[in-house]
């Protein structure tokens, strides 16, 4: 046995001694265990059993699987946001830094935000699967079997929003000016969250069953997460940096890309899909959950911006307009 192997066995013995067990027991376990296979590690056979269409239309399988892929990407994004939130000190609303954690490294920050951007870029580019990859006639039929479920009910997407910005930036833009003066609580802001307008009945303005279900299942969880990330969301982490680090061009550009990817590109590929499948010459069809997609999806109506401080006033005024002109009305 060479010296390197002896050293590794020594280190393993020290590691397992902390559990109160002798290393020989673990070595016996290694001898008895089977080799790891790809299918066991990825649980691929289980994964492929998670698609359960509600109808016999073949294209419904595309619809299910693409949404499942989306949720996996969202989970990756939340994984990165958790790392950002738990790295470096937290910052309170009064600007005070709290915690004993070391300084958040700018390179680490840029890399994690960059990963999230790549996830969303991949999703946005692949959305052609939804826009052009299903027969319209099939979709308009099988969608009726999905009521009142809606992609609106993606809790992970809402969590990405909550972890990415000051919670106040998610308040309905028409309510922000009045609410800002009151120094609102998380609960008050949640009552005025922007997405409520996206799930109101077109005819009555009342909350749809889609929204009522969503609030019942996730409302408390969202409020709890908002409290947790009040001092460690991406914007709070940015403010915890030194003056010099906040001027880092790569970091600012990464944050701008995140803002655009989540709040412009992603909603607007959904808008383009809705135009493809739900817009008719005489009238627009409501989405599966009855959501008001015509007013909810276009960013120019919502003006949902994670980091308004790093954009110019002109850029804020024109938020999302360029994408619509290029990708929808000229397509």
Protein backbone atom coordinates (compact mmCIF):
# COMPACT_ATOMS: atom_id res chain seq x y z
CA UNK A 1 0.00 0.00 0.00
CA UNK A 2 1.49 3.36 -1.02
CA UNK A 3 1.81 6.32 1.33
CA UNK A 4 -1.04 8.29 -0.31
CA UNK A 5 -3.49 5.45 0.29
CA UNK A 6 -2.33 5.06 3.89
CA UNK A 7 -2.84 8.79 4.45
CA UNK A 8 -6.38 8.65 3.04
CA UNK A 9 -7.26 5.67 5.26
CA UNK A 10 -5.93 7.60 8.25
CA UNK A 11 -8.07 10.60 7.37
CA UNK A 12 -11.12 8.38 6.91
CA UNK A 13 -10.49 6.77 10.29
CA UNK A 14 -10.38 10.23 11.89
CA UNK A 15 -13.58 11.24 10.09
CA UNK A 16 -15.60 8.21 11.17
CA UNK A 17 -14.16 8.23 14.69
CA UNK A 18 -16.25 11.38 15.24
CA UNK A 19 -19.38 9.25 14.80
CA UNK A 20 -18.22 6.81 17.48
CA UNK A 21 -17.78 4.05 14.92
CA UNK A 22 -14.73 2.09 13.82
CA UNK A 23 -13.65 2.58 10.21
CA UNK A 24 -13.76 -1.19 9.62
CA UNK A 25 -17.54 -1.10 9.81
CA UNK A 26 -17.70 1.48 7.01
CA UNK A 27 -15.19 -0.48 4.93
CA UNK A 28 -17.40 -3.57 5.30
CA UNK A 29 -20.31 -1.46 4.08
CA UNK A 30 -18.36 -0.43 0.98
CA UNK A 31 -17.59 -4.06 0.19
CA UNK A 32 -21.23 -5.07 0.52
CA UNK A 33 -22.82 -2.15 -1.35
CA UNK A 34 -23.62 -2.32 -5.07
CA UNK A 35 -22.06 -0.07 -7.71
CA UNK A 36 -23.93 3.16 -8.33
CA UNK A 37 -25.80 3.33 -11.64
CA UNK A 38 -26.99 6.36 -13.61
CA UNK A 39 -30.63 5.32 -13.37
CA UNK A 40 -30.46 4.93 -9.60
CA UNK A 41 -28.63 8.21 -9.10
CA UNK A 42 -30.98 10.28 -11.28
CA UNK A 43 -34.11 8.32 -10.33
CA UNK A 44 -34.99 8.49 -14.01
CA UNK A 45 -37.52 5.66 -13.89
CA UNK A 46 -39.47 7.48 -11.16
CA UNK A 47 -39.14 10.76 -13.05
CA UNK A 48 -40.69 9.27 -16.16
CA UNK A 49 -43.76 8.11 -14.23
CA UNK A 50 -44.72 11.64 -13.13
CA UNK A 51 -46.68 12.57 -16.26
CA UNK A 52 -50.41 11.98 -15.94
CA UNK A 53 -52.46 13.57 -18.75
CA UNK A 54 -56.10 14.31 -18.03
CA UNK A 55 -57.18 13.68 -21.64
CA UNK A 56 -56.22 11.51 -24.63
CA UNK A 57 -54.87 14.42 -26.69
CA UNK A 58 -51.20 13.61 -27.49
CA UNK A 59 -50.01 17.20 -27.16
CA UNK A 60 -51.06 17.38 -23.52
CA UNK A 61 -47.93 15.34 -22.73
CA UNK A 62 -45.81 18.18 -24.14
CA UNK A 63 -47.68 20.67 -21.99
CA UNK A 64 -47.13 18.67 -18.79
CA UNK A 65 -43.48 17.86 -19.36
CA UNK A 66 -42.43 21.38 -20.31
CA UNK A 67 -44.01 22.74 -17.13
CA UNK A 68 -42.21 20.09 -15.10
CA UNK A 69 -38.91 21.05 -16.77
CA UNK A 70 -39.66 24.67 -15.90
CA UNK A 71 -40.17 23.81 -12.24
CA UNK A 72 -36.82 21.98 -12.15
CA UNK A 73 -35.08 25.08 -13.51
CA UNK A 74 -36.90 27.18 -10.92
CA UNK A 75 -35.59 24.86 -8.22
CA UNK A 76 -32.05 25.42 -9.54
CA UNK A 77 -32.59 29.19 -9.40
CA UNK A 78 -33.83 28.99 -5.81
CA UNK A 79 -30.79 26.86 -4.96
CA UNK A 80 -28.55 29.73 -6.12
CA UNK A 81 -30.66 32.37 -4.36
CA UNK A 82 -30.35 30.43 -1.11
CA UNK A 83 -26.58 30.43 -1.47
CA UNK A 84 -26.55 34.18 -2.08
CA UNK A 85 -28.86 34.79 0.87
CA UNK A 86 -26.77 32.72 3.26
CA UNK A 87 -23.40 34.14 2.17
CA UNK A 88 -21.96 37.23 3.80
CA UNK A 89 -23.72 39.53 6.32
CA UNK A 90 -27.41 40.47 6.16
CA UNK A 91 -28.57 44.06 5.99
CA UNK A 92 -31.51 45.52 7.91
CA UNK A 93 -33.84 48.17 6.42
CA UNK A 94 -32.00 50.85 8.42
CA UNK A 95 -28.75 49.89 6.71
CA UNK A 96 -27.25 48.05 9.69
CA UNK A 97 -25.27 44.92 8.88
CA UNK A 98 -26.07 41.95 11.11
CA UNK A 99 -24.59 38.52 11.64
CA UNK A 100 -21.10 37.18 12.07
CA UNK A 101 -20.68 36.02 8.49
CA UNK A 102 -17.71 37.25 6.52
CA UNK A 103 -17.96 39.73 3.67
CA UNK A 104 -19.94 38.57 0.63
CA UNK A 105 -17.39 38.04 -2.14
CA UNK A 106 -18.31 39.96 -5.29
CA UNK A 107 -17.07 37.19 -7.60
CA UNK A 108 -19.25 34.67 -5.76
CA UNK A 109 -22.23 37.03 -6.08
CA UNK A 110 -21.68 37.56 -9.82
CA UNK A 111 -21.25 33.83 -10.47
CA UNK A 112 -24.47 32.84 -8.67
CA UNK A 113 -26.54 35.56 -10.33
CA UNK A 114 -25.00 34.49 -13.65
CA UNK A 115 -26.15 30.92 -13.06
CA UNK A 116 -29.73 32.09 -12.49
CA UNK A 117 -29.54 34.12 -15.68
CA UNK A 118 -28.44 31.06 -17.62
CA UNK A 119 -31.33 29.03 -16.23
CA UNK A 120 -33.85 31.66 -17.32
CA UNK A 121 -32.18 32.16 -20.70
CA UNK A 122 -32.45 28.43 -21.32
CA UNK A 123 -36.11 28.46 -20.36
CA UNK A 124 -36.89 31.48 -22.51
CA UNK A 125 -35.15 30.08 -25.58
CA UNK A 126 -36.80 26.70 -25.14
CA UNK A 127 -40.29 28.19 -24.88
CA UNK A 128 -40.65 27.69 -28.63
CA UNK A 129 -41.65 24.18 -27.54
CA UNK A 130 -44.81 25.76 -26.14
CA UNK A 131 -45.31 28.50 -28.71
CA UNK A 132 -44.91 26.41 -31.87
CA UNK A 133 -44.79 22.84 -30.60
CA UNK A 134 -48.45 22.09 -29.98
CA UNK A 135 -51.51 21.98 -32.22
CA UNK A 136 -53.79 24.89 -31.38
CA UNK A 137 -56.93 22.81 -31.84
CA UNK A 138 -55.69 20.19 -29.36
CA UNK A 139 -54.68 22.80 -26.80
CA UNK A 140 -58.03 24.61 -26.94
CA UNK A 141 -59.74 21.29 -26.26
CA UNK A 142 -57.63 19.68 -23.53
CA UNK A 143 -57.15 22.97 -21.64
CA UNK A 144 -60.80 22.73 -20.57
CA UNK A 145 -59.95 19.57 -18.62
CA UNK A 146 -57.31 21.47 -16.62
CA UNK A 147 -59.57 24.09 -15.03
CA UNK A 148 -58.92 25.88 -12.71
CA UNK A 149 -55.21 24.93 -12.65
CA UNK A 150 -52.85 27.52 -14.11
CA UNK A 151 -49.15 28.23 -14.48
CA UNK A 152 -50.05 31.29 -12.42
CA UNK A 153 -49.95 28.90 -9.48
CA UNK A 154 -46.20 28.23 -9.72
CA UNK A 155 -45.09 28.82 -6.13
CA UNK A 156 -41.41 28.50 -7.02
CA UNK A 157 -41.62 31.44 -9.45
CA UNK A 158 -43.13 33.59 -6.68
CA UNK A 159 -40.36 32.48 -4.33
CA UNK A 160 -37.75 33.54 -6.88
CA UNK A 161 -39.36 36.98 -6.94
CA UNK A 162 -39.44 37.22 -3.15
CA UNK A 163 -35.79 36.19 -2.82
CA UNK A 164 -34.63 38.55 -5.57
CA UNK A 165 -35.83 41.96 -4.41
CA UNK A 166 -37.17 44.19 -1.68
CA UNK A 167 -40.71 42.87 -1.12
CA UNK A 168 -42.13 46.35 -1.69
CA UNK A 169 -41.16 46.11 -5.37
CA UNK A 170 -43.71 43.30 -5.75
CA UNK A 171 -46.59 45.49 -4.60
CA UNK A 172 -49.14 46.50 -7.25
CA UNK A 173 -47.67 49.59 -8.94
CA UNK A 174 -50.92 51.55 -8.52
CA UNK A 175 -50.82 51.03 -4.75
CA UNK A 176 -47.12 51.70 -4.17
CA UNK A 177 -47.27 55.52 -3.84
CA UNK A 178 -49.92 55.41 -1.10
CA UNK A 179 -48.53 52.37 0.68
CA UNK A 180 -44.96 53.71 0.71
CA UNK A 181 -45.94 56.51 3.09
CA UNK A 182 -47.27 54.02 5.65
CA UNK A 183 -44.08 51.98 6.14
CA UNK A 184 -46.16 48.85 5.49
CA UNK A 185 -45.67 45.44 7.07
CA UNK A 186 -44.96 42.32 5.02
CA UNK A 187 -48.57 41.27 5.58
CA UNK A 188 -49.95 44.59 4.26
CA UNK A 189 -47.72 44.40 1.21
CA UNK A 190 -48.77 40.81 0.56
CA UNK A 191 -52.43 41.89 0.58
CA UNK A 192 -51.51 44.26 -2.27
CA UNK A 193 -49.17 41.95 -4.18
CA UNK A 194 -49.08 42.59 -7.93
CA UNK A 195 -50.14 39.13 -9.03
CA UNK A 196 -53.63 39.49 -7.51
CA UNK A 197 -54.65 41.50 -10.56
CA UNK A 198 -53.59 38.64 -12.79
CA UNK A 199 -56.12 36.24 -11.30
CA UNK A 200 -59.31 38.24 -11.21
CA UNK A 201 -62.39 37.33 -13.20
CA UNK A 202 -62.59 39.33 -16.40
CA UNK A 203 -66.30 40.04 -15.98
CA UNK A 204 -66.66 40.69 -12.22
CA UNK A 205 -63.17 41.63 -10.98
CA UNK A 206 -63.49 39.06 -8.18
CA UNK A 207 -60.70 36.66 -7.20
CA UNK A 208 -60.74 33.53 -9.31
CA UNK A 209 -60.80 30.08 -7.77
CA UNK A 210 -57.24 29.79 -9.12
CA UNK A 211 -56.13 32.65 -6.87
CA UNK A 212 -58.16 31.47 -3.87
CA UNK A 213 -56.60 28.00 -4.10
CA UNK A 214 -53.14 29.53 -4.48
CA UNK A 215 -53.47 31.81 -1.45
CA UNK A 216 -54.87 29.02 0.70
CA UNK A 217 -51.99 26.66 -0.09
CA UNK A 218 -49.03 29.06 -0.18
CA UNK A 219 -50.04 32.39 1.36
CA UNK A 220 -48.52 31.79 4.81
CA UNK A 221 -45.42 30.22 3.26
CA UNK A 222 -44.86 33.29 1.05
CA UNK A 223 -45.22 35.66 4.00
CA UNK A 224 -42.78 33.60 6.07
CA UNK A 225 -40.26 33.60 3.20
CA UNK A 226 -40.65 37.36 2.75
CA UNK A 227 -39.82 37.89 6.43
CA UNK A 228 -36.81 35.58 6.15
CA UNK A 229 -35.44 37.30 3.05
CA UNK A 230 -36.19 40.85 4.15
CA UNK A 231 -32.54 41.25 5.14
CA UNK A 232 -30.95 38.77 2.73
CA UNK A 233 -32.68 39.08 -0.64
CA UNK A 234 -30.46 39.83 -3.64
CA UNK A 235 -30.95 43.60 -3.36
CA UNK A 236 -30.20 43.57 0.37
CA UNK A 237 -27.04 41.59 -0.34
CA UNK A 238 -26.04 44.12 -2.99
CA UNK A 239 -26.49 46.95 -0.48
CA UNK A 240 -24.34 45.08 2.04
CA UNK A 241 -21.34 45.45 -0.27
CA UNK A 242 -18.80 48.24 0.00
CA UNK A 243 -19.24 51.39 -2.10
CA UNK A 244 -16.48 50.19 -4.39
CA UNK A 245 -17.96 46.72 -4.88
CA UNK A 246 -21.41 48.18 -5.65
CA UNK A 247 -19.82 49.96 -8.61
CA UNK A 248 -18.62 46.67 -10.10
CA UNK A 249 -19.78 46.76 -13.73
CA UNK A 250 -20.04 42.97 -14.06
CA UNK A 251 -22.25 42.76 -10.99
CA UNK A 252 -24.52 45.61 -12.10
CA UNK A 253 -24.89 44.04 -15.54
CA UNK A 254 -25.64 40.64 -14.00
CA UNK A 255 -28.40 42.19 -11.86
CA UNK A 256 -29.82 44.00 -14.88
CA UNK A 257 -29.85 40.75 -16.82
CA UNK A 258 -31.66 39.05 -13.95
CA UNK A 259 -34.26 41.82 -13.90
CA UNK A 260 -34.82 41.51 -17.63
CA UNK A 261 -34.82 37.70 -17.67
CA UNK A 262 -37.36 37.30 -14.86
CA UNK A 263 -39.53 40.38 -15.35
CA UNK A 264 -39.50 40.93 -19.12
CA UNK A 265 -38.33 37.94 -21.16
CA UNK A 266 -40.02 35.19 -19.18
CA UNK A 267 -43.50 36.78 -18.85
CA UNK A 268 -43.43 37.91 -22.46
CA UNK A 269 -42.73 34.51 -23.97
CA UNK A 270 -45.85 33.48 -22.07
CA UNK A 271 -47.62 36.47 -23.58
CA UNK A 272 -46.54 35.42 -27.06
CA UNK A 273 -47.82 31.91 -26.36
CA UNK A 274 -51.13 33.32 -25.12
CA UNK A 275 -51.46 35.40 -28.29
CA UNK A 276 -50.77 32.28 -30.34
CA UNK A 277 -53.36 30.11 -28.61
CA UNK A 278 -55.88 32.38 -26.90
CA UNK A 279 -56.25 35.48 -29.08
CA UNK A 280 -58.96 35.42 -31.70
CA UNK A 281 -60.24 38.05 -34.10
CA UNK A 282 -63.53 38.57 -32.29
CA UNK A 283 -62.58 38.06 -28.67
CA UNK A 284 -59.79 36.88 -26.42
CA UNK A 285 -60.13 33.57 -24.61
CA UNK A 286 -59.34 33.62 -20.90
CA UNK A 287 -56.46 31.46 -19.67
CA UNK A 288 -57.07 28.10 -17.99
CA UNK A 289 -57.42 29.64 -14.54
CA UNK A 290 -59.49 32.54 -15.82
CA UNK A 291 -56.47 34.80 -15.41
CA UNK A 292 -56.49 38.18 -17.09
CA UNK A 293 -53.44 37.45 -19.23
CA UNK A 294 -53.87 40.53 -21.44
CA UNK A 295 -53.19 42.85 -18.50
CA UNK A 296 -51.16 40.51 -16.29
CA UNK A 297 -48.36 39.32 -18.58
CA UNK A 298 -47.07 42.45 -20.38
CA UNK A 299 -44.37 44.08 -18.19
CA UNK A 300 -45.30 47.57 -19.38
CA UNK A 301 -48.56 47.20 -17.43
CA UNK A 302 -47.06 45.70 -14.28
CA UNK A 303 -43.84 47.76 -14.13
CA UNK A 304 -42.40 45.01 -11.93
CA UNK A 305 -38.72 45.85 -11.55
CA UNK A 306 -36.44 44.19 -9.01
CA UNK A 307 -33.73 46.85 -9.02
CA UNK A 308 -35.20 50.22 -10.11
CA UNK A 309 -32.24 52.06 -8.60
CA UNK A 310 -29.83 50.73 -11.24
CA UNK A 311 -32.01 51.68 -14.22
CA UNK A 312 -32.46 55.16 -15.71
CA UNK A 313 -35.84 56.90 -15.56
CA UNK A 314 -36.21 56.47 -19.33
CA UNK A 315 -35.50 52.74 -19.08
CA UNK A 316 -38.12 52.38 -16.35
CA UNK A 317 -40.67 54.31 -18.44
CA UNK A 318 -40.06 52.05 -21.45
CA UNK A 319 -39.96 48.85 -19.40
CA UNK A 320 -40.75 45.89 -21.67
CA UNK A 321 -42.00 47.90 -24.65
CA UNK A 322 -39.11 47.06 -26.96
CA UNK A 323 -39.60 43.32 -26.53
CA UNK A 324 -43.29 43.51 -27.40
CA UNK A 325 -42.64 45.46 -30.59
CA UNK A 326 -39.86 43.12 -31.71
CA UNK A 327 -41.26 39.75 -30.72
CA UNK A 328 -45.04 40.03 -30.85
CA UNK A 329 -46.39 42.76 -33.08
CA UNK A 330 -43.76 42.26 -35.80
CA UNK A 331 -43.79 38.45 -35.72
